[in-house]
PDB file of N, CA and C in Angstrom:
ATOM      1  N   MET A   1      53.900  17.552 -33.248  1.00  0.00           N
ATOM      2  CA  MET A   1      55.017  17.797 -32.395  1.00  0.00           C
ATOM      3  C   MET A   1      54.931  16.810 -31.230  1.00  0.00           C
ATOM      4  N   LEU A   2      56.072  16.313 -30.839  1.00  0.00           N
ATOM      5  CA  LEU A   2      56.163  15.418 -29.688  1.00  0.00           C
ATOM      6  C   LEU A   2      57.112  16.046 -28.690  1.00  0.00           C
ATOM      7  N   ILE A   3      56.645  16.241 -27.496  1.00  0.00           N
ATOM      8  CA  ILE A   3      57.483  16.822 -26.444  1.00  0.00           C
ATOM      9  C   ILE A   3      57.682  15.768 -25.364  1.00  0.00           C
ATOM     10  N   LEU A   4      58.929  15.461 -25.080  1.00  0.00           N
ATOM     11  CA  LEU A   4      59.253  14.507 -24.024  1.00  0.00           C
ATOM     12  C   LEU A   4      59.791  15.270 -22.828  1.00  0.00           C
ATOM     13  N   ASP A   5      59.193  15.086 -21.690  1.00  0.00           N
ATOM     14  CA  ASP A   5      59.631  15.773 -20.483  1.00  0.00           C
ATOM     15  C   ASP A   5      60.560  14.853 -19.706  1.00  0.00           C
ATOM     16  N   GLY A   6      61.851  15.031 -19.887  1.00  0.00           N
ATOM     17  CA  GLY A   6      62.827  14.199 -19.208  1.00  0.00           C
ATOM     18  C   GLY A   6      62.997  14.528 -17.740  1.00  0.00           C
ATOM     19  N   ASP A   7      62.438  15.639 -17.288  1.00  0.00           N
ATOM     20  CA  ASP A   7      62.556  16.026 -15.882  1.00  0.00           C
ATOM     21  C   ASP A   7      61.355  15.592 -15.059  1.00  0.00           C
ATOM     22  N   HIS A   8      60.349  15.020 -15.682  1.00  0.00           N
ATOM     23  CA  HIS A   8      59.171  14.486 -14.981  1.00  0.00           C
ATOM     24  C   HIS A   8      58.546  15.522 -14.050  1.00  0.00           C
ATOM     25  N   LYS A   9      58.193  16.674 -14.608  1.00  0.00           N
ATOM     26  CA  LYS A   9      57.606  17.736 -13.801  1.00  0.00           C
ATOM     27  C   LYS A   9      56.088  17.825 -13.969  1.00  0.00           C
ATOM     28  N   GLU A  10      55.472  16.768 -14.444  1.00  0.00           N
ATOM     29  CA  GLU A  10      54.046  16.836 -14.734  1.00  0.00           C
ATOM     30  C   GLU A  10      53.160  16.704 -13.494  1.00  0.00           C
ATOM     31  N   GLN A  11      53.693  16.278 -12.376  1.00  0.00           N
ATOM     32  CA  GLN A  11      52.916  16.146 -11.147  1.00  0.00           C
ATOM     33  C   GLN A  11      53.493  17.080 -10.093  1.00  0.00           C
ATOM     34  N   ILE A  12      52.647  17.958  -9.570  1.00  0.00           N
ATOM     35  CA  ILE A  12      53.114  18.966  -8.619  1.00  0.00           C
ATOM     36  C   ILE A  12      52.384  18.790  -7.293  1.00  0.00           C
ATOM     37  N   LEU A  13      53.117  18.898  -6.205  1.00  0.00           N
ATOM     38  CA  LEU A  13      52.554  18.850  -4.856  1.00  0.00           C
ATOM     39  C   LEU A  13      52.794  20.191  -4.192  1.00  0.00           C
ATOM     40  N   HIS A  14      51.750  20.743  -3.562  1.00  0.00           N
ATOM     41  CA  HIS A  14      51.917  21.956  -2.771  1.00  0.00           C
ATOM     42  C   HIS A  14      51.295  21.699  -1.404  1.00  0.00           C
ATOM     43  N   THR A  15      52.058  21.979  -0.344  1.00  0.00           N
ATOM     44  CA  THR A  15      51.567  21.794   1.006  1.00  0.00           C
ATOM     45  C   THR A  15      52.102  22.896   1.907  1.00  0.00           C
ATOM     46  N   GLU A  16      51.261  23.406   2.773  1.00  0.00           N
ATOM     47  CA  GLU A  16      51.701  24.440   3.714  1.00  0.00           C
ATOM     48  C   GLU A  16      52.552  23.843   4.836  1.00  0.00           C
ATOM     49  N   LYS A  17      52.493  22.533   5.037  1.00  0.00           N
ATOM     50  CA  LYS A  17      53.292  21.876   6.076  1.00  0.00           C
ATOM     51  C   LYS A  17      54.747  21.708   5.653  1.00  0.00           C
ATOM     52  N   GLY A  18      54.996  21.673   4.356  1.00  0.00           N
ATOM     53  CA  GLY A  18      56.359  21.502   3.853  1.00  0.00           C
ATOM     54  C   GLY A  18      56.769  20.049   3.778  1.00  0.00           C
ATOM     55  N   ILE A  19      57.697  19.786   2.875  1.00  0.00           N
ATOM     56  CA  ILE A  19      58.291  18.460   2.727  1.00  0.00           C
ATOM     57  C   ILE A  19      59.802  18.645   2.670  1.00  0.00           C
ATOM     58  N   PRO A  20      60.593  17.613   2.948  1.00  0.00           N
ATOM     59  CA  PRO A  20      62.051  17.775   2.948  1.00  0.00           C
ATOM     60  C   PRO A  20      62.582  18.220   1.587  1.00  0.00           C
ATOM     61  N   HIS A  21      63.529  19.109   1.608  1.00  0.00           N
ATOM     62  CA  HIS A  21      64.217  19.528   0.385  1.00  0.00           C
ATOM     63  C   HIS A  21      65.090  18.387  -0.097  1.00  0.00           C
ATOM     64  N   VAL A  22      65.215  18.227  -1.397  1.00  0.00           N
ATOM     65  CA  VAL A  22      65.961  17.099  -1.952  1.00  0.00           C
ATOM     66  C   VAL A  22      67.432  17.141  -1.562  1.00  0.00           C
ATOM     67  N   TYR A  23      68.051  18.341  -1.554  1.00  0.00           N
ATOM     68  CA  TYR A  23      69.492  18.423  -1.331  1.00  0.00           C
ATOM     69  C   TYR A  23      69.900  19.056  -0.011  1.00  0.00           C
ATOM     70  N   ILE A  24      69.022  19.841   0.600  1.00  0.00           N
ATOM     71  CA  ILE A  24      69.414  20.608   1.782  1.00  0.00           C
ATOM     72  C   ILE A  24      68.624  20.121   2.998  1.00  0.00           C
ATOM     73  N   ASN A  25      69.331  19.506   3.936  1.00  0.00           N
ATOM     74  CA  ASN A  25      68.664  19.040   5.154  1.00  0.00           C
ATOM     75  C   ASN A  25      68.112  20.225   5.929  1.00  0.00           C
ATOM     76  N   ASP A  26      67.056  20.016   6.661  1.00  0.00           N
ATOM     77  CA  ASP A  26      66.438  21.034   7.513  1.00  0.00           C
ATOM     78  C   ASP A  26      65.943  22.247   6.734  1.00  0.00           C
ATOM     79  N   ARG A  27      65.627  22.086   5.473  1.00  0.00           N
ATOM     80  CA  ARG A  27      65.044  23.176   4.698  1.00  0.00           C
ATOM     81  C   ARG A  27      63.846  22.636   3.932  1.00  0.00           C
ATOM     82  N   PRO A  28      62.675  22.691   4.546  1.00  0.00           N
ATOM     83  CA  PRO A  28      61.493  22.173   3.853  1.00  0.00           C
ATOM     84  C   PRO A  28      61.063  23.096   2.706  1.00  0.00           C
ATOM     85  N   VAL A  29      60.414  22.530   1.719  1.00  0.00           N
ATOM     86  CA  VAL A  29      59.829  23.289   0.622  1.00  0.00           C
ATOM     87  C   VAL A  29      58.330  23.050   0.609  1.00  0.00           C
ATOM     88  N   GLU A  30      57.586  24.022   0.111  1.00  0.00           N
ATOM     89  CA  GLU A  30      56.125  23.884   0.065  1.00  0.00           C
ATOM     90  C   GLU A  30      55.637  23.315  -1.259  1.00  0.00           C
ATOM     91  N   THR A  31      56.416  23.502  -2.317  1.00  0.00           N
ATOM     92  CA  THR A  31      56.018  23.021  -3.637  1.00  0.00           C
ATOM     93  C   THR A  31      57.113  22.121  -4.192  1.00  0.00           C
ATOM     94  N   ALA A  32      56.720  20.982  -4.756  1.00  0.00           N
ATOM     95  CA  ALA A  32      57.704  20.039  -5.297  1.00  0.00           C
ATOM     96  C   ALA A  32      57.114  19.324  -6.507  1.00  0.00           C
ATOM     97  N   PHE A  33      57.973  18.979  -7.430  1.00  0.00           N
ATOM     98  CA  PHE A  33      57.594  18.134  -8.553  1.00  0.00           C
ATOM     99  C   PHE A  33      57.705  16.697  -8.073  1.00  0.00           C
ATOM    100  N   LEU A  34      56.672  15.888  -8.303  1.00  0.00           N
ATOM    101  CA  LEU A  34      56.636  14.537  -7.743  1.00  0.00           C
ATOM    102  C   LEU A  34      57.369  13.499  -8.570  1.00  0.00           C
ATOM    103  N   GLY A  35      57.503  13.683  -9.849  1.00  0.00           N
ATOM    104  CA  GLY A  35      58.228  12.727 -10.671  1.00  0.00           C
ATOM    105  C   GLY A  35      59.682  12.699 -10.261  1.00  0.00           C
ATOM    106  N   SER A  36      60.308  11.571 -10.403  1.00  0.00           N
ATOM    107  CA  SER A  36      61.704  11.445 -10.017  1.00  0.00           C
ATOM    108  C   SER A  36      62.588  12.261 -10.943  1.00  0.00           C
ATOM    109  N   SER A  37      63.443  13.073 -10.365  1.00  0.00           N
ATOM    110  CA  SER A  37      64.409  13.805 -11.176  1.00  0.00           C
ATOM    111  C   SER A  37      65.574  12.875 -11.501  1.00  0.00           C
ATOM    112  N   THR A  38      66.390  13.252 -12.449  1.00  0.00           N
ATOM    113  CA  THR A  38      67.519  12.398 -12.817  1.00  0.00           C
ATOM    114  C   THR A  38      68.428  12.115 -11.631  1.00  0.00           C
ATOM    115  N   PRO A  39      68.819  13.141 -10.832  1.00  0.00           N
ATOM    116  CA  PRO A  39      69.669  12.830  -9.684  1.00  0.00           C
ATOM    117  C   PRO A  39      68.984  11.912  -8.683  1.00  0.00           C
ATOM    118  N   GLY A  40      67.686  12.070  -8.485  1.00  0.00           N
ATOM    119  CA  GLY A  40      66.947  11.249  -7.547  1.00  0.00           C
ATOM    120  C   GLY A  40      66.057  12.080  -6.655  1.00  0.00           C
ATOM    121  N   ASP A  41      65.408  11.431  -5.714  1.00  0.00           N
ATOM    122  CA  ASP A  41      64.505  12.079  -4.771  1.00  0.00           C
ATOM    123  C   ASP A  41      64.610  11.396  -3.420  1.00  0.00           C
ATOM    124  N   TRP A  42      64.214  12.138  -2.385  1.00  0.00           N
ATOM    125  CA  TRP A  42      64.165  11.563  -1.044  1.00  0.00           C
ATOM    126  C   TRP A  42      62.912  10.723  -0.911  1.00  0.00           C
ATOM    127  N   ALA A  43      63.049   9.529  -0.373  1.00  0.00           N
ATOM    128  CA  ALA A  43      61.918   8.652  -0.111  1.00  0.00           C
ATOM    129  C   ALA A  43      62.309   7.679   0.986  1.00  0.00           C
ATOM    130  N   LEU A  44      61.404   7.446   1.910  1.00  0.00           N
ATOM    131  CA  LEU A  44      61.623   6.490   2.994  1.00  0.00           C
ATOM    132  C   LEU A  44      62.912   6.787   3.759  1.00  0.00           C
ATOM    133  N   GLY A  45      63.227   8.076   3.897  1.00  0.00           N
ATOM    134  CA  GLY A  45      64.389   8.475   4.667  1.00  0.00           C
ATOM    135  C   GLY A  45      65.721   8.323   3.959  1.00  0.00           C
ATOM    136  N   ASP A  46      65.695   8.078   2.637  1.00  0.00           N
ATOM    137  CA  ASP A  46      66.943   7.919   1.894  1.00  0.00           C
ATOM    138  C   ASP A  46      66.786   8.530   0.512  1.00  0.00           C
ATOM    139  N   PHE A  47      67.867   8.613  -0.214  1.00  0.00           N
ATOM    140  CA  PHE A  47      67.886   9.219  -1.538  1.00  0.00           C
ATOM    141  C   PHE A  47      67.874   8.129  -2.589  1.00  0.00           C
ATOM    142  N   TRP A  48      66.898   8.167  -3.502  1.00  0.00           N
ATOM    143  CA  TRP A  48      66.711   7.123  -4.506  1.00  0.00           C
ATOM    144  C   TRP A  48      66.585   7.757  -5.882  1.00  0.00           C
ATOM    145  N   GLY A  49      66.960   7.061  -6.920  1.00  0.00           N
ATOM    146  CA  GLY A  49      66.756   7.548  -8.270  1.00  0.00           C
ATOM    147  C   GLY A  49      67.789   6.995  -9.229  1.00  0.00           C
ATOM    148  N   PRO A  50      67.669   7.376 -10.511  1.00  0.00           N
ATOM    149  CA  PRO A  50      68.547   6.819 -11.543  1.00  0.00           C
ATOM    150  C   PRO A  50      70.033   7.030 -11.274  1.00  0.00           C
ATOM    151  N   VAL A  51      70.417   8.186 -10.766  1.00  0.00           N
ATOM    152  CA  VAL A  51      71.835   8.438 -10.479  1.00  0.00           C
ATOM    153  C   VAL A  51      72.003   8.917  -9.036  1.00  0.00           C
ATOM    154  N   ALA A  52      71.193   8.374  -8.138  1.00  0.00           N
ATOM    155  CA  ALA A  52      71.238   8.790  -6.737  1.00  0.00           C
ATOM    156  C   ALA A  52      72.592   8.517  -6.097  1.00  0.00           C
ATOM    157  N   ASP A  53      73.161   7.343  -6.349  1.00  0.00           N
ATOM    158  CA  ASP A  53      74.458   7.020  -5.745  1.00  0.00           C
ATOM    159  C   ASP A  53      75.545   7.984  -6.219  1.00  0.00           C
ATOM    160  N   GLU A  54      75.529   8.293  -7.511  1.00  0.00           N
ATOM    161  CA  GLU A  54      76.522   9.213  -8.040  1.00  0.00           C
ATOM    162  C   GLU A  54      76.336  10.608  -7.446  1.00  0.00           C
ATOM    163  N   THR A  55      75.082  11.048  -7.362  1.00  0.00           N
ATOM    164  CA  THR A  55      74.789  12.366  -6.798  1.00  0.00           C
ATOM    165  C   THR A  55      75.207  12.426  -5.339  1.00  0.00           C
ATOM    166  N   ARG A  56      74.876  11.382  -4.579  1.00  0.00           N
ATOM    167  CA  ARG A  56      75.238  11.333  -3.163  1.00  0.00           C
ATOM    168  C   ARG A  56      76.758  11.381  -2.999  1.00  0.00           C
ATOM    169  N   ASN A  57      77.482  10.620  -3.826  1.00  0.00           N
ATOM    170  CA  ASN A  57      78.937  10.608  -3.742  1.00  0.00           C
ATOM    171  C   ASN A  57      79.508  11.989  -4.045  1.00  0.00           C
ATOM    172  N   TRP A  58      78.972  12.686  -5.036  1.00  0.00           N
ATOM    173  CA  TRP A  58      79.448  14.021  -5.395  1.00  0.00           C
ATOM    174  C   TRP A  58      79.160  15.012  -4.273  1.00  0.00           C
ATOM    175  N   LEU A  59      77.949  14.960  -3.708  1.00  0.00           N
ATOM    176  CA  LEU A  59      77.598  15.882  -2.618  1.00  0.00           C
ATOM    177  C   LEU A  59      78.446  15.611  -1.378  1.00  0.00           C
ATOM    178  N   ASP A  60      78.704  14.334  -1.071  1.00  0.00           N
ATOM    179  CA  ASP A  60      79.590  14.003   0.048  1.00  0.00           C
ATOM    180  C   ASP A  60      80.988  14.550  -0.194  1.00  0.00           C
ATOM    181  N   HIS A  61      81.469  14.443  -1.423  1.00  0.00           N
ATOM    182  CA  HIS A  61      82.791  14.969  -1.765  1.00  0.00           C
ATOM    183  C   HIS A  61      82.836  16.482  -1.539  1.00  0.00           C
ATOM    184  N   LEU A  62      81.808  17.186  -2.002  1.00  0.00           N
ATOM    185  CA  LEU A  62      81.780  18.645  -1.858  1.00  0.00           C
ATOM    186  C   LEU A  62      81.658  19.083  -0.403  1.00  0.00           C
ATOM    187  N   SER A  63      80.848  18.366   0.372  1.00  0.00           N
ATOM    188  CA  SER A  63      80.569  18.814   1.738  1.00  0.00           C
ATOM    189  C   SER A  63      81.558  18.302   2.779  1.00  0.00           C
ATOM    190  N   THR A  64      82.190  17.150   2.523  1.00  0.00           N
ATOM    191  CA  THR A  64      83.069  16.581   3.544  1.00  0.00           C
ATOM    192  C   THR A  64      84.499  16.350   3.059  1.00  0.00           C
ATOM    193  N   GLY A  65      84.721  16.472   1.759  1.00  0.00           N
ATOM    194  CA  GLY A  65      86.043  16.190   1.225  1.00  0.00           C
ATOM    195  C   GLY A  65      86.292  14.711   1.005  1.00  0.00           C
ATOM    196  N   ARG A  66      85.273  13.896   1.224  1.00  0.00           N
ATOM    197  CA  ARG A  66      85.390  12.446   1.011  1.00  0.00           C
ATOM    198  C   ARG A  66      85.799  12.162  -0.432  1.00  0.00           C
ATOM    199  N   LYS A  67      86.579  11.109  -0.647  1.00  0.00           N
ATOM    200  CA  LYS A  67      87.037  10.755  -1.992  1.00  0.00           C
ATOM    201  C   LYS A  67      85.839  10.593  -2.922  1.00  0.00           C
ATOM    202  N   CYS A  68      85.958  11.142  -4.102  1.00  0.00           N
ATOM    203  CA  CYS A  68      84.905  11.047  -5.109  1.00  0.00           C
ATOM    204  C   CYS A  68      85.285   9.958  -6.102  1.00  0.00           C
ATOM    205  N   PHE A  69      84.386   9.006  -6.304  1.00  0.00           N
ATOM    206  CA  PHE A  69      84.673   7.872  -7.172  1.00  0.00           C
ATOM    207  C   PHE A  69      84.110   8.048  -8.578  1.00  0.00           C
ATOM    208  N   LEU A  70      83.644   9.249  -8.890  1.00  0.00           N
ATOM    209  CA  LEU A  70      83.110   9.508 -10.220  1.00  0.00           C
ATOM    210  C   LEU A  70      84.250   9.715 -11.205  1.00  0.00           C
ATOM    211  N   ALA A  71      83.907   9.814 -12.458  1.00  0.00           N
ATOM    212  CA  ALA A  71      84.915   9.998 -13.497  1.00  0.00           C
ATOM    213  C   ALA A  71      85.677  11.299 -13.290  1.00  0.00           C
ATOM    214  N   THR A  72      86.959  11.243 -13.571  1.00  0.00           N
ATOM    215  CA  THR A  72      87.787  12.445 -13.520  1.00  0.00           C
ATOM    216  C   THR A  72      87.592  13.219 -14.828  1.00  0.00           C
ATOM    217  N   PRO A  73      88.033  14.471 -14.878  1.00  0.00           N
ATOM    218  CA  PRO A  73      87.971  15.194 -16.156  1.00  0.00           C
ATOM    219  C   PRO A  73      88.723  14.452 -17.265  1.00  0.00           C
ATOM    220  N   GLU A  74      89.812  13.814 -16.914  1.00  0.00           N
ATOM    221  CA  GLU A  74      90.573  13.048 -17.905  1.00  0.00           C
ATOM    222  C   GLU A  74      89.761  11.848 -18.416  1.00  0.00           C
ATOM    223  N   ASP A  75      89.061  11.166 -17.496  1.00  0.00           N
ATOM    224  CA  ASP A  75      88.195  10.050 -17.898  1.00  0.00           C
ATOM    225  C   ASP A  75      87.111  10.544 -18.854  1.00  0.00           C
ATOM    226  N   ALA A  76      86.516  11.674 -18.520  1.00  0.00           N
ATOM    227  CA  ALA A  76      85.441  12.225 -19.348  1.00  0.00           C
ATOM    228  C   ALA A  76      85.968  12.600 -20.730  1.00  0.00           C
ATOM    229  N   ARG A  77      87.136  13.207 -20.782  1.00  0.00           N
ATOM    230  CA  ARG A  77      87.727  13.609 -22.065  1.00  0.00           C
ATOM    231  C   ARG A  77      88.042  12.388 -22.920  1.00  0.00           C
ATOM    232  N   ARG A  78      88.581  11.336 -22.300  1.00  0.00           N
ATOM    233  CA  ARG A  78      88.896  10.101 -23.028  1.00  0.00           C
ATOM    234  C   ARG A  78      87.606   9.465 -23.567  1.00  0.00           C
ATOM    235  N   ASN A  79      86.563   9.459 -22.769  1.00  0.00           N
ATOM    236  CA  ASN A  79      85.280   8.904 -23.192  1.00  0.00           C
ATOM    237  C   ASN A  79      84.709   9.695 -24.366  1.00  0.00           C
ATOM    238  N   LEU A  80      84.802  11.016 -24.296  1.00  0.00           N
ATOM    239  CA  LEU A  80      84.334  11.856 -25.393  1.00  0.00           C
ATOM    240  C   LEU A  80      85.139  11.581 -26.660  1.00  0.00           C
ATOM    241  N   GLU A  81      86.443  11.464 -26.530  1.00  0.00           N
ATOM    242  CA  GLU A  81      87.312  11.184 -27.683  1.00  0.00           C
ATOM    243  C   GLU A  81      86.928   9.861 -28.336  1.00  0.00           C
ATOM    244  N   ILE A  82      86.674   8.845 -27.538  1.00  0.00           N
ATOM    245  CA  ILE A  82      86.278   7.541 -28.075  1.00  0.00           C
ATOM    246  C   ILE A  82      84.926   7.643 -28.780  1.00  0.00           C
ATOM    247  N   SER A  83      83.973   8.348 -28.150  1.00  0.00           N
ATOM    248  CA  SER A  83      82.645   8.513 -28.763  1.00  0.00           C
ATOM    249  C   SER A  83      82.736   9.245 -30.093  1.00  0.00           C
ATOM    250  N   LEU A  84      83.527  10.319 -30.138  1.00  0.00           N
ATOM    251  CA  LEU A  84      83.712  11.052 -31.390  1.00  0.00           C
ATOM    252  C   LEU A  84      84.425  10.192 -32.433  1.00  0.00           C
ATOM    253  N   GLY A  85      85.370   9.360 -31.977  1.00  0.00           N
ATOM    254  CA  GLY A  85      86.059   8.452 -32.887  1.00  0.00           C
ATOM    255  C   GLY A  85      85.116   7.438 -33.500  1.00  0.00           C
ATOM    256  N   ILE A  86      84.193   6.925 -32.707  1.00  0.00           N
ATOM    257  CA  ILE A  86      83.206   5.974 -33.225  1.00  0.00           C
ATOM    258  C   ILE A  86      82.357   6.649 -34.298  1.00  0.00           C
ATOM    259  N   GLU A  87      81.875   7.854 -34.017  1.00  0.00           N
ATOM    260  CA  GLU A  87      81.067   8.578 -35.003  1.00  0.00           C
ATOM    261  C   GLU A  87      81.860   8.836 -36.286  1.00  0.00           C
ATOM    262  N   ALA A  88      83.123   9.257 -36.141  1.00  0.00           N
ATOM    263  CA  ALA A  88      83.954   9.535 -37.311  1.00  0.00           C
ATOM    264  C   ALA A  88      84.186   8.271 -38.133  1.00  0.00           C
ATOM    265  N   ALA A  89      84.419   7.142 -37.461  1.00  0.00           N
ATOM    266  CA  ALA A  89      84.650   5.876 -38.168  1.00  0.00           C
ATOM    267  C   ALA A  89      83.404   5.455 -38.941  1.00  0.00           C
ATOM    268  N   VAL A  90      82.240   5.658 -38.349  1.00  0.00           N
ATOM    269  CA  VAL A  90      80.990   5.306 -39.040  1.00  0.00           C
ATOM    270  C   VAL A  90      80.801   6.195 -40.264  1.00  0.00           C
ATOM    271  N   GLU A  91      81.021   7.504 -40.094  1.00  0.00           N
ATOM    272  CA  GLU A  91      80.865   8.434 -41.227  1.00  0.00           C
ATOM    273  C   GLU A  91      81.836   8.122 -42.355  1.00  0.00           C
ATOM    274  N   ARG A  92      83.079   7.787 -42.032  1.00  0.00           N
ATOM    275  CA  ARG A  92      84.097   7.521 -43.043  1.00  0.00           C
ATOM    276  C   ARG A  92      84.020   6.097 -43.588  1.00  0.00           C
ATOM    277  N   GLY A  93      83.418   5.222 -42.800  1.00  0.00           N
ATOM    278  CA  GLY A  93      83.368   3.819 -43.203  1.00  0.00           C
ATOM    279  C   GLY A  93      84.742   3.157 -43.094  1.00  0.00           C
ATOM    280  N   ALA A  94      85.577   3.698 -42.187  1.00  0.00           N
ATOM    281  CA  ALA A  94      86.924   3.169 -42.037  1.00  0.00           C
ATOM    282  C   ALA A  94      87.406   3.451 -40.610  1.00  0.00           C
ATOM    283  N   PRO A  95      88.394   2.695 -40.165  1.00  0.00           N
ATOM    284  CA  PRO A  95      88.941   2.943 -38.817  1.00  0.00           C
ATOM    285  C   PRO A  95      89.569   4.343 -38.732  1.00  0.00           C
ATOM    286  N   VAL A  96      89.602   4.889 -37.535  1.00  0.00           N
ATOM    287  CA  VAL A  96      90.256   6.174 -37.296  1.00  0.00           C
ATOM    288  C   VAL A  96      91.274   5.985 -36.186  1.00  0.00           C
ATOM    289  N   SER A  97      92.252   6.856 -36.132  1.00  0.00           N
ATOM    290  CA  SER A  97      93.271   6.822 -35.078  1.00  0.00           C
ATOM    291  C   SER A  97      92.906   7.849 -34.001  1.00  0.00           C
ATOM    292  N   LEU A  98      93.181   7.476 -32.775  1.00  0.00           N
ATOM    293  CA  LEU A  98      92.980   8.401 -31.658  1.00  0.00           C
ATOM    294  C   LEU A  98      94.323   8.812 -31.119  1.00  0.00           C
ATOM    295  N   PRO A  99      94.506  10.005 -30.632  1.00  0.00           N
ATOM    296  CA  PRO A  99      93.460  11.042 -30.576  1.00  0.00           C
ATOM    297  C   PRO A  99      93.182  11.593 -31.964  1.00  0.00           C
ATOM    298  N   LEU A 100      91.936  12.070 -32.120  1.00  0.00           N
ATOM    299  CA  LEU A 100      91.549  12.672 -33.391  1.00  0.00           C
ATOM    300  C   LEU A 100      92.323  13.961 -33.584  1.00  0.00           C
ATOM    301  N   GLY A 101      92.658  14.257 -34.812  1.00  0.00           N
ATOM    302  CA  GLY A 101      93.462  15.458 -35.051  1.00  0.00           C
ATOM    303  C   GLY A 101      92.800  16.494 -35.893  1.00  0.00           C
TER     304      GLY A 101
END
């Protein structure tokens, strides 16, 4: 069996002094997973990680109403339709028409 930990929780830090919470300012936590999570982690006074910019933009949108530049539900649906169309075309060995019916 092979288990891949995509959340990188294999390193744990516990401190009674507390460290900054990843998402909530002024709320320290005593225990944290040290591996970078997909959204990102706080480091050097800023938020870093694979999708840190996207996460920051979403949190700013939720907390301040700032314009969100991430995909809309319509964008996501179109992307899913295209992905499913690619899979269907490969399975059939022929082009398919979108939207799938």
